[in-house]
Amino acid sequence: MTMDLISGLAIVASVSMLAVALVAVLATRGLREDAVHVDPAAVHSIAARVLATVVVVFFITAANLLLIAQQISLALGTFVVGLLLVVVLYLEPSLSGGRRQVAEDKEGWRR
């Protein structure tokens, strides 16, 4: 059972790293200087969201593998780390972006 867990985590880690490398290659290809009609901010935003999704999927998959191997405490710890990453990667940027928009709106009415 332990070897199955190790091999499963190794496969999940290698697939996640492959996905990260693929996103990095595609993002740099989209940001080349000879590319026309490409908004660098849009490419960066899409790449950041895809990378955040890869990280979240990695932690969910690792937690599932640990549950299958009946490692409940390790699975719970992995799940908590995954939840914290969801907050940091998805919720915090949208909240801080909303605060910036409100601050810009307050300044905009004076002009």
PDB file of N, CA and C in Angstrom:
ATOM      1  N   MET A   1       0.827  -1.199   0.000  1.00  0.00           N
ATOM      2  CA  MET A   1       0.000   0.000   0.000  1.00  0.00           C
ATOM      3  C   MET A   1       0.870   1.261   0.000  1.00  0.00           C
ATOM      4  N   THR A   2       1.994   1.218   0.685  1.00  0.00           N
ATOM      5  CA  THR A   2       2.860   2.389   0.742  1.00  0.00           C
ATOM      6  C   THR A   2       3.489   2.673  -0.621  1.00  0.00           C
ATOM      7  N   MET A   3       3.877   1.628  -1.325  1.00  0.00           N
ATOM      8  CA  MET A   3       4.470   1.817  -2.650  1.00  0.00           C
ATOM      9  C   MET A   3       3.437   2.377  -3.628  1.00  0.00           C
ATOM     10  N   ASP A   4       2.186   1.976  -3.488  1.00  0.00           N
ATOM     11  CA  ASP A   4       1.136   2.531  -4.345  1.00  0.00           C
ATOM     12  C   ASP A   4       0.961   4.020  -4.081  1.00  0.00           C
ATOM     13  N   LEU A   5       1.023   4.402  -2.806  1.00  0.00           N
ATOM     14  CA  LEU A   5       0.895   5.807  -2.438  1.00  0.00           C
ATOM     15  C   LEU A   5       2.058   6.617  -2.992  1.00  0.00           C
ATOM     16  N   ILE A   6       3.261   6.081  -2.844  1.00  0.00           N
ATOM     17  CA  ILE A   6       4.439   6.792  -3.340  1.00  0.00           C
ATOM     18  C   ILE A   6       4.384   6.938  -4.856  1.00  0.00           C
ATOM     19  N   SER A   7       4.034   5.871  -5.548  1.00  0.00           N
ATOM     20  CA  SER A   7       3.973   5.960  -7.011  1.00  0.00           C
ATOM     21  C   SER A   7       2.851   6.891  -7.460  1.00  0.00           C
ATOM     22  N   GLY A   8       1.734   6.882  -6.773  1.00  0.00           N
ATOM     23  CA  GLY A   8       0.637   7.782  -7.110  1.00  0.00           C
ATOM     24  C   GLY A   8       1.020   9.238  -6.920  1.00  0.00           C
ATOM     25  N   LEU A   9       1.676   9.539  -5.793  1.00  0.00           N
ATOM     26  CA  LEU A   9       2.107  10.920  -5.551  1.00  0.00           C
ATOM     27  C   LEU A   9       3.179  11.340  -6.551  1.00  0.00           C
ATOM     28  N   ALA A  10       4.052  10.411  -6.939  1.00  0.00           N
ATOM     29  CA  ALA A  10       5.075  10.737  -7.942  1.00  0.00           C
ATOM     30  C   ALA A  10       4.431  11.036  -9.290  1.00  0.00           C
ATOM     31  N   ILE A  11       3.427  10.278  -9.662  1.00  0.00           N
ATOM     32  CA  ILE A  11       2.741  10.518 -10.934  1.00  0.00           C
ATOM     33  C   ILE A  11       2.004  11.851 -10.894  1.00  0.00           C
ATOM     34  N   VAL A  12       1.325  12.133  -9.797  1.00  0.00           N
ATOM     35  CA  VAL A  12       0.590  13.397  -9.675  1.00  0.00           C
ATOM     36  C   VAL A  12       1.559  14.576  -9.716  1.00  0.00           C
ATOM     37  N   ALA A  13       2.680  14.453  -9.026  1.00  0.00           N
ATOM     38  CA  ALA A  13       3.665  15.542  -9.025  1.00  0.00           C
ATOM     39  C   ALA A  13       4.262  15.749 -10.412  1.00  0.00           C
ATOM     40  N   SER A  14       4.563  14.665 -11.116  1.00  0.00           N
ATOM     41  CA  SER A  14       5.158  14.821 -12.448  1.00  0.00           C
ATOM     42  C   SER A  14       4.157  15.403 -13.447  1.00  0.00           C
ATOM     43  N   VAL A  15       2.907  15.010 -13.371  1.00  0.00           N
ATOM     44  CA  VAL A  15       1.890  15.578 -14.265  1.00  0.00           C
ATOM     45  C   VAL A  15       1.674  17.057 -13.952  1.00  0.00           C
ATOM     46  N   SER A  16       1.697  17.413 -12.680  1.00  0.00           N
ATOM     47  CA  SER A  16       1.532  18.822 -12.303  1.00  0.00           C
ATOM     48  C   SER A  16       2.705  19.657 -12.814  1.00  0.00           C
ATOM     49  N   MET A  17       3.916  19.125 -12.681  1.00  0.00           N
ATOM     50  CA  MET A  17       5.080  19.873 -13.178  1.00  0.00           C
ATOM     51  C   MET A  17       5.056  19.982 -14.702  1.00  0.00           C
ATOM     52  N   LEU A  18       4.606  18.960 -15.369  1.00  0.00           N
ATOM     53  CA  LEU A  18       4.470  19.011 -16.820  1.00  0.00           C
ATOM     54  C   LEU A  18       3.447  20.070 -17.228  1.00  0.00           C
ATOM     55  N   ALA A  19       2.353  20.150 -16.496  1.00  0.00           N
ATOM     56  CA  ALA A  19       1.334  21.165 -16.790  1.00  0.00           C
ATOM     57  C   ALA A  19       1.874  22.573 -16.548  1.00  0.00           C
ATOM     58  N   VAL A  20       2.640  22.758 -15.486  1.00  0.00           N
ATOM     59  CA  VAL A  20       3.236  24.067 -15.204  1.00  0.00           C
ATOM     60  C   VAL A  20       4.211  24.451 -16.310  1.00  0.00           C
ATOM     61  N   ALA A  21       5.030  23.497 -16.747  1.00  0.00           N
ATOM     62  CA  ALA A  21       5.974  23.784 -17.826  1.00  0.00           C
ATOM     63  C   ALA A  21       5.249  24.124 -19.119  1.00  0.00           C
ATOM     64  N   LEU A  22       4.181  23.414 -19.417  1.00  0.00           N
ATOM     65  CA  LEU A  22       3.406  23.684 -20.630  1.00  0.00           C
ATOM     66  C   LEU A  22       2.782  25.077 -20.587  1.00  0.00           C
ATOM     67  N   VAL A  23       2.250  25.457 -19.435  1.00  0.00           N
ATOM     68  CA  VAL A  23       1.664  26.800 -19.297  1.00  0.00           C
ATOM     69  C   VAL A  23       2.746  27.860 -19.452  1.00  0.00           C
ATOM     70  N   ALA A  24       3.929  27.621 -18.883  1.00  0.00           N
ATOM     71  CA  ALA A  24       5.018  28.593 -18.999  1.00  0.00           C
ATOM     72  C   ALA A  24       5.456  28.753 -20.453  1.00  0.00           C
ATOM     73  N   VAL A  25       5.565  27.645 -21.180  1.00  0.00           N
ATOM     74  CA  VAL A  25       5.964  27.720 -22.585  1.00  0.00           C
ATOM     75  C   VAL A  25       4.910  28.463 -23.400  1.00  0.00           C
ATOM     76  N   LEU A  26       3.651  28.149 -23.189  1.00  0.00           N
ATOM     77  CA  LEU A  26       2.595  28.818 -23.949  1.00  0.00           C
ATOM     78  C   LEU A  26       2.488  30.295 -23.600  1.00  0.00           C
ATOM     79  N   ALA A  27       2.712  30.637 -22.327  1.00  0.00           N
ATOM     80  CA  ALA A  27       2.642  32.045 -21.926  1.00  0.00           C
ATOM     81  C   ALA A  27       3.793  32.839 -22.525  1.00  0.00           C
ATOM     82  N   THR A  28       4.996  32.269 -22.529  1.00  0.00           N
ATOM     83  CA  THR A  28       6.115  32.998 -23.121  1.00  0.00           C
ATOM     84  C   THR A  28       5.975  33.087 -24.633  1.00  0.00           C
ATOM     85  N   ARG A  29       5.386  32.078 -25.239  1.00  0.00           N
ATOM     86  CA  ARG A  29       5.144  32.139 -26.688  1.00  0.00           C
ATOM     87  C   ARG A  29       4.135  33.241 -26.993  1.00  0.00           C
ATOM     88  N   GLY A  30       3.155  33.425 -26.126  1.00  0.00           N
ATOM     89  CA  GLY A  30       2.159  34.472 -26.331  1.00  0.00           C
ATOM     90  C   GLY A  30       2.686  35.862 -26.062  1.00  0.00           C
ATOM     91  N   LEU A  31       3.769  35.968 -25.294  1.00  0.00           N
ATOM     92  CA  LEU A  31       4.324  37.276 -24.952  1.00  0.00           C
ATOM     93  C   LEU A  31       5.521  37.661 -25.815  1.00  0.00           C
ATOM     94  N   ARG A  32       5.813  36.887 -26.854  1.00  0.00           N
ATOM     95  CA  ARG A  32       6.925  37.245 -27.732  1.00  0.00           C
ATOM     96  C   ARG A  32       6.678  38.591 -28.382  1.00  0.00           C
ATOM     97  N   GLU A  33       7.766  39.234 -28.739  1.00  0.00           N
ATOM     98  CA  GLU A  33       7.653  40.577 -29.295  1.00  0.00           C
ATOM     99  C   GLU A  33       7.005  40.594 -30.675  1.00  0.00           C
ATOM    100  N   ASP A  34       7.167  39.522 -31.433  1.00  0.00           N
ATOM    101  CA  ASP A  34       6.611  39.518 -32.780  1.00  0.00           C
ATOM    102  C   ASP A  34       5.127  39.167 -32.812  1.00  0.00           C
ATOM    103  N   ALA A  35       4.560  38.829 -31.668  1.00  0.00           N
ATOM    104  CA  ALA A  35       3.126  38.521 -31.612  1.00  0.00           C
ATOM    105  C   ALA A  35       2.333  39.833 -31.668  1.00  0.00           C
ATOM    106  N   VAL A  36       1.411  39.883 -32.569  1.00  0.00           N
ATOM    107  CA  VAL A  36       0.599  41.100 -32.705  1.00  0.00           C
ATOM    108  C   VAL A  36      -0.766  40.865 -32.068  1.00  0.00           C
ATOM    109  N   HIS A  37      -1.348  41.930 -31.618  1.00  0.00           N
ATOM    110  CA  HIS A  37      -2.686  41.913 -31.024  1.00  0.00           C
ATOM    111  C   HIS A  37      -2.760  41.023 -29.779  1.00  0.00           C
ATOM    112  N   VAL A  38      -1.699  41.020 -28.998  1.00  0.00           N
ATOM    113  CA  VAL A  38      -1.682  40.225 -27.771  1.00  0.00           C
ATOM    114  C   VAL A  38      -1.536  41.181 -26.595  1.00  0.00           C
ATOM    115  N   ASP A  39      -2.474  41.103 -25.690  1.00  0.00           N
ATOM    116  CA  ASP A  39      -2.417  41.924 -24.489  1.00  0.00           C
ATOM    117  C   ASP A  39      -1.622  41.172 -23.427  1.00  0.00           C
ATOM    118  N   PRO A  40      -0.456  41.703 -23.015  1.00  0.00           N
ATOM    119  CA  PRO A  40       0.364  40.989 -22.029  1.00  0.00           C
ATOM    120  C   PRO A  40      -0.348  40.781 -20.691  1.00  0.00           C
ATOM    121  N   ALA A  41      -1.181  41.727 -20.301  1.00  0.00           N
ATOM    122  CA  ALA A  41      -1.905  41.573 -19.040  1.00  0.00           C
ATOM    123  C   ALA A  41      -2.895  40.419 -19.111  1.00  0.00           C
ATOM    124  N   ALA A  42      -3.528  40.242 -20.267  1.00  0.00           N
ATOM    125  CA  ALA A  42      -4.479  39.136 -20.421  1.00  0.00           C
ATOM    126  C   ALA A  42      -3.760  37.796 -20.404  1.00  0.00           C
ATOM    127  N   VAL A  43      -2.606  37.723 -21.069  1.00  0.00           N
ATOM    128  CA  VAL A  43      -1.836  36.477 -21.069  1.00  0.00           C
ATOM    129  C   VAL A  43      -1.381  36.143 -19.662  1.00  0.00           C
ATOM    130  N   HIS A  44      -0.900  37.158 -18.938  1.00  0.00           N
ATOM    131  CA  HIS A  44      -0.459  36.935 -17.561  1.00  0.00           C
ATOM    132  C   HIS A  44      -1.614  36.487 -16.677  1.00  0.00           C
ATOM    133  N   SER A  45      -2.765  37.100 -16.836  1.00  0.00           N
ATOM    134  CA  SER A  45      -3.930  36.742 -16.028  1.00  0.00           C
ATOM    135  C   SER A  45      -4.378  35.308 -16.289  1.00  0.00           C
ATOM    136  N   ILE A  46      -4.423  34.935 -17.551  1.00  0.00           N
ATOM    137  CA  ILE A  46      -4.835  33.567 -17.892  1.00  0.00           C
ATOM    138  C   ILE A  46      -3.827  32.563 -17.380  1.00  0.00           C
ATOM    139  N   ALA A  47      -2.538  32.850 -17.559  1.00  0.00           N
ATOM    140  CA  ALA A  47      -1.499  31.934 -17.091  1.00  0.00           C
ATOM    141  C   ALA A  47      -1.542  31.798 -15.574  1.00  0.00           C
ATOM    142  N   ALA A  48      -1.765  32.890 -14.871  1.00  0.00           N
ATOM    143  CA  ALA A  48      -1.828  32.830 -13.406  1.00  0.00           C
ATOM    144  C   ALA A  48      -3.016  31.992 -12.944  1.00  0.00           C
ATOM    145  N   ARG A  49      -4.146  32.137 -13.598  1.00  0.00           N
ATOM    146  CA  ARG A  49      -5.320  31.345 -13.218  1.00  0.00           C
ATOM    147  C   ARG A  49      -5.135  29.862 -13.510  1.00  0.00           C
ATOM    148  N   VAL A  50      -4.510  29.551 -14.636  1.00  0.00           N
ATOM    149  CA  VAL A  50      -4.259  28.146 -14.964  1.00  0.00           C
ATOM    150  C   VAL A  50      -3.274  27.532 -13.981  1.00  0.00           C
ATOM    151  N   LEU A  51      -2.224  28.266 -13.644  1.00  0.00           N
ATOM    152  CA  LEU A  51      -1.259  27.758 -12.675  1.00  0.00           C
ATOM    153  C   LEU A  51      -1.894  27.570 -11.299  1.00  0.00           C
ATOM    154  N   ALA A  52      -2.756  28.496 -10.913  1.00  0.00           N
ATOM    155  CA  ALA A  52      -3.450  28.349  -9.634  1.00  0.00           C
ATOM    156  C   ALA A  52      -4.353  27.126  -9.643  1.00  0.00           C
ATOM    157  N   THR A  53      -5.001  26.874 -10.769  1.00  0.00           N
ATOM    158  CA  THR A  53      -5.853  25.689 -10.880  1.00  0.00           C
ATOM    159  C   THR A  53      -5.024  24.412 -10.811  1.00  0.00           C
ATOM    160  N   VAL A  54      -3.850  24.402 -11.434  1.00  0.00           N
ATOM    161  CA  VAL A  54      -2.974  23.227 -11.372  1.00  0.00           C
ATOM    162  C   VAL A  54      -2.551  22.944  -9.936  1.00  0.00           C
ATOM    163  N   VAL A  55      -2.228  23.993  -9.190  1.00  0.00           N
ATOM    164  CA  VAL A  55      -1.810  23.812  -7.790  1.00  0.00           C
ATOM    165  C   VAL A  55      -2.965  23.260  -6.959  1.00  0.00           C
ATOM    166  N   VAL A  56      -4.150  23.792  -7.152  1.00  0.00           N
ATOM    167  CA  VAL A  56      -5.308  23.316  -6.391  1.00  0.00           C
ATOM    168  C   VAL A  56      -5.625  21.864  -6.736  1.00  0.00           C
ATOM    169  N   VAL A  57      -5.581  21.532  -8.026  1.00  0.00           N
ATOM    170  CA  VAL A  57      -5.843  20.142  -8.435  1.00  0.00           C
ATOM    171  C   VAL A  57      -4.793  19.206  -7.852  1.00  0.00           C
ATOM    172  N   PHE A  58      -3.549  19.644  -7.790  1.00  0.00           N
ATOM    173  CA  PHE A  58      -2.493  18.821  -7.195  1.00  0.00           C
ATOM    174  C   PHE A  58      -2.806  18.504  -5.735  1.00  0.00           C
ATOM    175  N   PHE A  59      -3.179  19.505  -4.961  1.00  0.00           N
ATOM    176  CA  PHE A  59      -3.446  19.267  -3.544  1.00  0.00           C
ATOM    177  C   PHE A  59      -4.704  18.430  -3.326  1.00  0.00           C
ATOM    178  N   ILE A  60      -5.713  18.612  -4.148  1.00  0.00           N
ATOM    179  CA  ILE A  60      -6.921  17.793  -4.017  1.00  0.00           C
ATOM    180  C   ILE A  60      -6.609  16.339  -4.357  1.00  0.00           C
ATOM    181  N   THR A  61      -5.825  16.134  -5.414  1.00  0.00           N
ATOM    182  CA  THR A  61      -5.460  14.773  -5.806  1.00  0.00           C
ATOM    183  C   THR A  61      -4.586  14.110  -4.758  1.00  0.00           C
ATOM    184  N   ALA A  62      -3.642  14.863  -4.200  1.00  0.00           N
ATOM    185  CA  ALA A  62      -2.785  14.306  -3.147  1.00  0.00           C
ATOM    186  C   ALA A  62      -3.612  13.937  -1.922  1.00  0.00           C
ATOM    187  N   ALA A  63      -4.579  14.771  -1.565  1.00  0.00           N
ATOM    188  CA  ALA A  63      -5.436  14.461  -0.422  1.00  0.00           C
ATOM    189  C   ALA A  63      -6.267  13.199  -0.697  1.00  0.00           C
ATOM    190  N   ASN A  64      -6.762  13.045  -1.922  1.00  0.00           N
ATOM    191  CA  ASN A  64      -7.515  11.836  -2.265  1.00  0.00           C
ATOM    192  C   ASN A  64      -6.647  10.590  -2.198  1.00  0.00           C
ATOM    193  N   LEU A  65      -5.419  10.679  -2.686  1.00  0.00           N
ATOM    194  CA  LEU A  65      -4.508   9.534  -2.604  1.00  0.00           C
ATOM    195  C   LEU A  65      -4.211   9.166  -1.152  1.00  0.00           C
ATOM    196  N   LEU A  66      -4.040  10.171  -0.316  1.00  0.00           N
ATOM    197  CA  LEU A  66      -3.780   9.897   1.099  1.00  0.00           C
ATOM    198  C   LEU A  66      -5.006   9.294   1.779  1.00  0.00           C
ATOM    199  N   LEU A  67      -6.195   9.714   1.390  1.00  0.00           N
ATOM    200  CA  LEU A  67      -7.406   9.104   1.950  1.00  0.00           C
ATOM    201  C   LEU A  67      -7.544   7.645   1.521  1.00  0.00           C
ATOM    202  N   ILE A  68      -7.207   7.366   0.266  1.00  0.00           N
ATOM    203  CA  ILE A  68      -7.266   5.988  -0.205  1.00  0.00           C
ATOM    204  C   ILE A  68      -6.290   5.115   0.572  1.00  0.00           C
ATOM    205  N   ALA A  69      -5.120   5.682   0.898  1.00  0.00           N
ATOM    206  CA  ALA A  69      -4.114   4.937   1.660  1.00  0.00           C
ATOM    207  C   ALA A  69      -4.407   4.951   3.162  1.00  0.00           C
ATOM    208  N   GLN A  70      -5.521   5.504   3.556  1.00  0.00           N
ATOM    209  CA  GLN A  70      -5.986   5.573   4.938  1.00  0.00           C
ATOM    210  C   GLN A  70      -5.018   6.352   5.835  1.00  0.00           C
ATOM    211  N   GLN A  71      -4.476   7.411   5.284  1.00  0.00           N
ATOM    212  CA  GLN A  71      -3.635   8.346   6.037  1.00  0.00           C
ATOM    213  C   GLN A  71      -4.473   9.599   6.298  1.00  0.00           C
ATOM    214  N   ILE A  72      -5.391   9.483   7.254  1.00  0.00           N
ATOM    215  CA  ILE A  72      -6.405  10.526   7.463  1.00  0.00           C
ATOM    216  C   ILE A  72      -5.774  11.851   7.900  1.00  0.00           C
ATOM    217  N   SER A  73      -4.834  11.821   8.829  1.00  0.00           N
ATOM    218  CA  SER A  73      -4.264  13.066   9.331  1.00  0.00           C
ATOM    219  C   SER A  73      -3.445  13.774   8.254  1.00  0.00           C
ATOM    220  N   LEU A  74      -2.703  13.016   7.460  1.00  0.00           N
ATOM    221  CA  LEU A  74      -1.955  13.631   6.361  1.00  0.00           C
ATOM    222  C   LEU A  74      -2.896  14.187   5.297  1.00  0.00           C
ATOM    223  N   ALA A  75      -3.978  13.480   5.023  1.00  0.00           N
ATOM    224  CA  ALA A  75      -4.951  13.955   4.043  1.00  0.00           C
ATOM    225  C   ALA A  75      -5.622  15.239   4.527  1.00  0.00           C
ATOM    226  N   LEU A  76      -5.929  15.301   5.814  1.00  0.00           N
ATOM    227  CA  LEU A  76      -6.546  16.509   6.360  1.00  0.00           C
ATOM    228  C   LEU A  76      -5.583  17.688   6.283  1.00  0.00           C
ATOM    229  N   GLY A  77      -4.319  17.457   6.602  1.00  0.00           N
ATOM    230  CA  GLY A  77      -3.326  18.525   6.502  1.00  0.00           C
ATOM    231  C   GLY A  77      -3.158  19.011   5.076  1.00  0.00           C
ATOM    232  N   THR A  78      -3.133  18.096   4.135  1.00  0.00           N
ATOM    233  CA  THR A  78      -3.012  18.456   2.727  1.00  0.00           C
ATOM    234  C   THR A  78      -4.241  19.223   2.255  1.00  0.00           C
ATOM    235  N   PHE A  79      -5.402  18.809   2.708  1.00  0.00           N
ATOM    236  CA  PHE A  79      -6.634  19.499   2.342  1.00  0.00           C
ATOM    237  C   PHE A  79      -6.659  20.923   2.894  1.00  0.00           C
ATOM    238  N   VAL A  80      -6.189  21.107   4.127  1.00  0.00           N
ATOM    239  CA  VAL A  80      -6.149  22.446   4.722  1.00  0.00           C
ATOM    240  C   VAL A  80      -5.183  23.347   3.957  1.00  0.00           C
ATOM    241  N   VAL A  81      -4.029  22.805   3.576  1.00  0.00           N
ATOM    242  CA  VAL A  81      -3.081  23.586   2.782  1.00  0.00           C
ATOM    243  C   VAL A  81      -3.701  23.951   1.436  1.00  0.00           C
ATOM    244  N   GLY A  82      -4.417  23.023   0.824  1.00  0.00           N
ATOM    245  CA  GLY A  82      -5.103  23.310  -0.428  1.00  0.00           C
ATOM    246  C   GLY A  82      -6.152  24.404  -0.274  1.00  0.00           C
ATOM    247  N   LEU A  83      -6.899  24.372   0.829  1.00  0.00           N
ATOM    248  CA  LEU A  83      -7.888  25.432   1.075  1.00  0.00           C
ATOM    249  C   LEU A  83      -7.230  26.793   1.271  1.00  0.00           C
ATOM    250  N   LEU A  84      -6.108  26.813   1.993  1.00  0.00           N
ATOM    251  CA  LEU A  84      -5.382  28.072   2.167  1.00  0.00           C
ATOM    252  C   LEU A  84      -4.878  28.603   0.833  1.00  0.00           C
ATOM    253  N   LEU A  85      -4.427  27.709  -0.029  1.00  0.00           N
ATOM    254  CA  LEU A  85      -3.987  28.150  -1.349  1.00  0.00           C
ATOM    255  C   LEU A  85      -5.138  28.667  -2.201  1.00  0.00           C
ATOM    256  N   VAL A  86      -6.313  28.089  -2.047  1.00  0.00           N
ATOM    257  CA  VAL A  86      -7.486  28.611  -2.759  1.00  0.00           C
ATOM    258  C   VAL A  86      -7.765  30.040  -2.313  1.00  0.00           C
ATOM    259  N   VAL A  87      -7.681  30.282  -1.024  1.00  0.00           N
ATOM    260  CA  VAL A  87      -7.921  31.633  -0.510  1.00  0.00           C
ATOM    261  C   VAL A  87      -6.866  32.591  -1.040  1.00  0.00           C
ATOM    262  N   VAL A  88      -5.605  32.180  -1.004  1.00  0.00           N
ATOM    263  CA  VAL A  88      -4.531  33.065  -1.430  1.00  0.00           C
ATOM    264  C   VAL A  88      -4.557  33.289  -2.940  1.00  0.00           C
ATOM    265  N   LEU A  89      -4.820  32.250  -3.712  1.00  0.00           N
ATOM    266  CA  LEU A  89      -4.716  32.362  -5.163  1.00  0.00           C
ATOM    267  C   LEU A  89      -5.968  32.911  -5.835  1.00  0.00           C
ATOM    268  N   TYR A  90      -7.137  32.671  -5.267  1.00  0.00           N
ATOM    269  CA  TYR A  90      -8.379  33.087  -5.926  1.00  0.00           C
ATOM    270  C   TYR A  90      -9.103  34.214  -5.201  1.00  0.00           C
ATOM    271  N   LEU A  91      -9.322  34.061  -3.921  1.00  0.00           N
ATOM    272  CA  LEU A  91     -10.163  35.022  -3.219  1.00  0.00           C
ATOM    273  C   LEU A  91      -9.449  36.327  -2.899  1.00  0.00           C
ATOM    274  N   GLU A  92      -8.199  36.261  -2.468  1.00  0.00           N
ATOM    275  CA  GLU A  92      -7.490  37.472  -2.083  1.00  0.00           C
ATOM    276  C   GLU A  92      -7.282  38.440  -3.242  1.00  0.00           C
ATOM    277  N   PRO A  93      -6.865  37.992  -4.436  1.00  0.00           N
ATOM    278  CA  PRO A  93      -6.728  38.956  -5.532  1.00  0.00           C
ATOM    279  C   PRO A  93      -8.041  39.620  -5.932  1.00  0.00           C
ATOM    280  N   SER A  94      -9.128  38.879  -5.886  1.00  0.00           N
ATOM    281  CA  SER A  94     -10.401  39.489  -6.253  1.00  0.00           C
ATOM    282  C   SER A  94     -10.856  40.485  -5.184  1.00  0.00           C
ATOM    283  N   LEU A  95     -10.579  40.186  -3.921  1.00  0.00           N
ATOM    284  CA  LEU A  95     -10.943  41.130  -2.866  1.00  0.00           C
ATOM    285  C   LEU A  95     -10.089  42.390  -2.930  1.00  0.00           C
ATOM    286  N   SER A  96      -8.783  42.231  -3.102  1.00  0.00           N
ATOM    287  CA  SER A  96      -7.924  43.411  -3.175  1.00  0.00           C
ATOM    288  C   SER A  96      -8.183  44.202  -4.454  1.00  0.00           C
ATOM    289  N   GLY A  97      -8.542  43.523  -5.541  1.00  0.00           N
ATOM    290  CA  GLY A  97      -8.908  44.230  -6.765  1.00  0.00           C
ATOM    291  C   GLY A  97     -10.157  45.062  -6.581  1.00  0.00           C
ATOM    292  N   GLY A  98     -11.101  44.543  -5.816  1.00  0.00           N
ATOM    293  CA  GLY A  98     -12.314  45.294  -5.518  1.00  0.00           C
ATOM    294  C   GLY A  98     -12.023  46.516  -4.676  1.00  0.00           C
ATOM    295  N   ARG A  99     -11.097  46.379  -3.722  1.00  0.00           N
ATOM    296  CA  ARG A  99     -10.732  47.534  -2.897  1.00  0.00           C
ATOM    297  C   ARG A  99     -10.059  48.610  -3.736  1.00  0.00           C
ATOM    298  N   ARG A 100      -9.189  48.203  -4.678  1.00  0.00           N
ATOM    299  CA  ARG A 100      -8.537  49.169  -5.543  1.00  0.00           C
ATOM    300  C   ARG A 100      -9.553  49.882  -6.416  1.00  0.00           C
ATOM    301  N   GLN A 101     -10.547  49.152  -6.898  1.00  0.00           N
ATOM    302  CA  GLN A 101     -11.579  49.748  -7.752  1.00  0.00           C
ATOM    303  C   GLN A 101     -12.389  50.763  -6.959  1.00  0.00           C
ATOM    304  N   VAL A 102     -12.712  50.452  -5.703  1.00  0.00           N
ATOM    305  CA  VAL A 102     -13.457  51.383  -4.866  1.00  0.00           C
ATOM    306  C   VAL A 102     -12.638  52.635  -4.608  1.00  0.00           C
ATOM    307  N   ALA A 103     -11.333  52.461  -4.342  1.00  0.00           N
ATOM    308  CA  ALA A 103     -10.475  53.619  -4.106  1.00  0.00           C
ATOM    309  C   ALA A 103     -10.380  54.491  -5.361  1.00  0.00           C
ATOM    310  N   GLU A 104     -10.293  53.866  -6.530  1.00  0.00           N
ATOM    311  CA  GLU A 104     -10.250  54.638  -7.773  1.00  0.00           C
ATOM    312  C   GLU A 104     -11.573  55.357  -8.017  1.00  0.00           C
ATOM    313  N   ASP A 105     -12.690  54.735  -7.670  1.00  0.00           N
ATOM    314  CA  ASP A 105     -13.993  55.387  -7.847  1.00  0.00           C
ATOM    315  C   ASP A 105     -14.131  56.585  -6.927  1.00  0.00           C
ATOM    316  N   LYS A 106     -13.616  56.492  -5.709  1.00  0.00           N
ATOM    317  CA  LYS A 106     -13.698  57.620  -4.783  1.00  0.00           C
ATOM    318  C   LYS A 106     -12.874  58.801  -5.277  1.00  0.00           C
ATOM    319  N   GLU A 107     -11.727  58.508  -5.883  1.00  0.00           N
ATOM    320  CA  GLU A 107     -10.887  59.568  -6.420  1.00  0.00           C
ATOM    321  C   GLU A 107     -11.453  60.118  -7.723  1.00  0.00           C
ATOM    322  N   GLY A 108     -12.151  59.298  -8.477  1.00  0.00           N
ATOM    323  CA  GLY A 108     -12.638  59.693  -9.791  1.00  0.00           C
ATOM    324  C   GLY A 108     -13.732  60.743  -9.751  1.00  0.00           C
ATOM    325  N   TRP A 109     -14.539  60.789  -8.710  1.00  0.00           N
ATOM    326  CA  TRP A 109     -15.644  61.734  -8.684  1.00  0.00           C
ATOM    327  C   TRP A 109     -15.176  63.161  -8.503  1.00  0.00           C
ATOM    328  N   ARG A 110     -13.968  63.371  -8.004  1.00  0.00           N
ATOM    329  CA  ARG A 110     -13.471  64.718  -7.784  1.00  0.00           C
ATOM    330  C   ARG A 110     -13.002  65.376  -9.073  1.00  0.00           C
ATOM    331  N   ARG A 111     -12.714  64.591 -10.095  1.00  0.00           N
ATOM    332  CA  ARG A 111     -12.153  65.152 -11.328  1.00  0.00           C
ATOM    333  C   ARG A 111     -13.188  65.730 -12.211  1.00  0.00           C
TER     334      ARG A 111
END
